[in-house]
Amino acid sequence: MALKVRPASECQLDMVALGECMIRLSPPGHGRIEFTNTMEVWVGGGEYNVAYALARLGLRTGWVGGLVDNPVGKIIINHARSAGMDTAHAVNMKFDGVGREARIGLNFTEVGTGVRGSVTMYDRGHSATSKMKPGDVDWATLFKKRGVRWLHTGGIMASLSPTTRQLVAEAVKAAHEAGTVVSYDLNFRSKLWSSKDAIATTRPLIPYIDCLIGNEEDFQKVLGYEVEGVDIDKGDIDTTAFKKMVERVVKDFPNIKVVGTTLRSVKSGLINDWSAIMWHDGKFYDGIKFAGLEIEDRVGGGDGFASGFAYGFLTGMTPQECVNLGVAHGALLQTTRGDTSQITLEELQHVAGGGSARIKR
């Protein structure tokens, strides 16, 4: 069954992302958190990153998440507005002065190098987004009155609290009923919940989802599907094994129209093999391959893939072009610091089309 996207003329927004947006603090370069006296400030969140990237590529996007009415919350609003994102349906909470009731989540991220991998330390408890609950967002106005072509959410949002799990279920059902495409990034985070809880929460959502996104660990930990013959800790890229796993998923859930799976083999903190495969309408498509990809910052690569292939579907491209855009965008995103895309449409089209890194003068 092919993916059907609502015409742009029927909707005010091409994509809306539902998820937490945080402030990321990183030591410059490859420094350690405990020794730094300077922190870089970045904005990002798994779902937010996708909508932000699409806004940079020229689409009409919005973000729904929790905010606090203080200067840290304003960092996120300013960042979203700089790309033209719609934040009208974000839930803004009053700041109590100390963050007991609600705060903006933080994450401290070290960018690894050599044999030392990147590390993220969360400081996101009691965040505004984690306090969101069913009824906080007027989905009927968003999906039916205003019109949205694509909703993107995922496992990070669902893992934050019992009420965000209910909110995600409310959102995907409302989007599905409105004819909006729903994509869900499985995005397993062991620091936020267990595999058992992830599976119990996610499987009931699948009937309302059109596109599933994730790597080998995500499908194993969030849906319970083993990738036979592959050691996920080693990150060996064997598309045959992944395709067999995807075939089991779409057989069990025939409503799924697209499955995107990123493929990463870690050679060192800054050298990875990078690619992806995509299943659509009964056929697999292998993405372009980047062997020995040199990385500046790997955080957000999967979100880059999701936004790249969503851009393809939203603009009427072929499935092969969609997966190539996803792989290329993920690769490009990892060449810059921070979680969110700094990539232009021209750069994306150049790399997805096989262009080189030859200097431009």
Foldseek 3Di string as FASTA:
>chain_A
DFDDWDDPVQAPFAEEEEAAKAWEWEAPAQDDPVPGPGTDIFIGDLRVQLQLQVLQQPGAYEYEFEAEPDVRSVVRVVSCVVSPYDHPFHHYDYDPPPQPQADGKYKYWGQFWFADAIDIDTPGPNHRRLPDAPPSGDLCCRPPVRRYREYEYEDNQCLSYVRSLRVVLVNLVSNLVSNHAYEYELDDDVVRDFLVVLQVSPPVSLQSHAEYEEEQVSCCSRNNFHQPPDDVVQQDDDVVSVVVSVVVVCVVHVNHAKYKYWGWGDPGSFWIKTWIWMDGPHDIATEDIDHRQGFSGLAQLRSQLVSQLSVCVSVPHDNNLSRLLSRLRSSQQRRDDHNHDPDYNVSSVCVSVPHDPPDDD
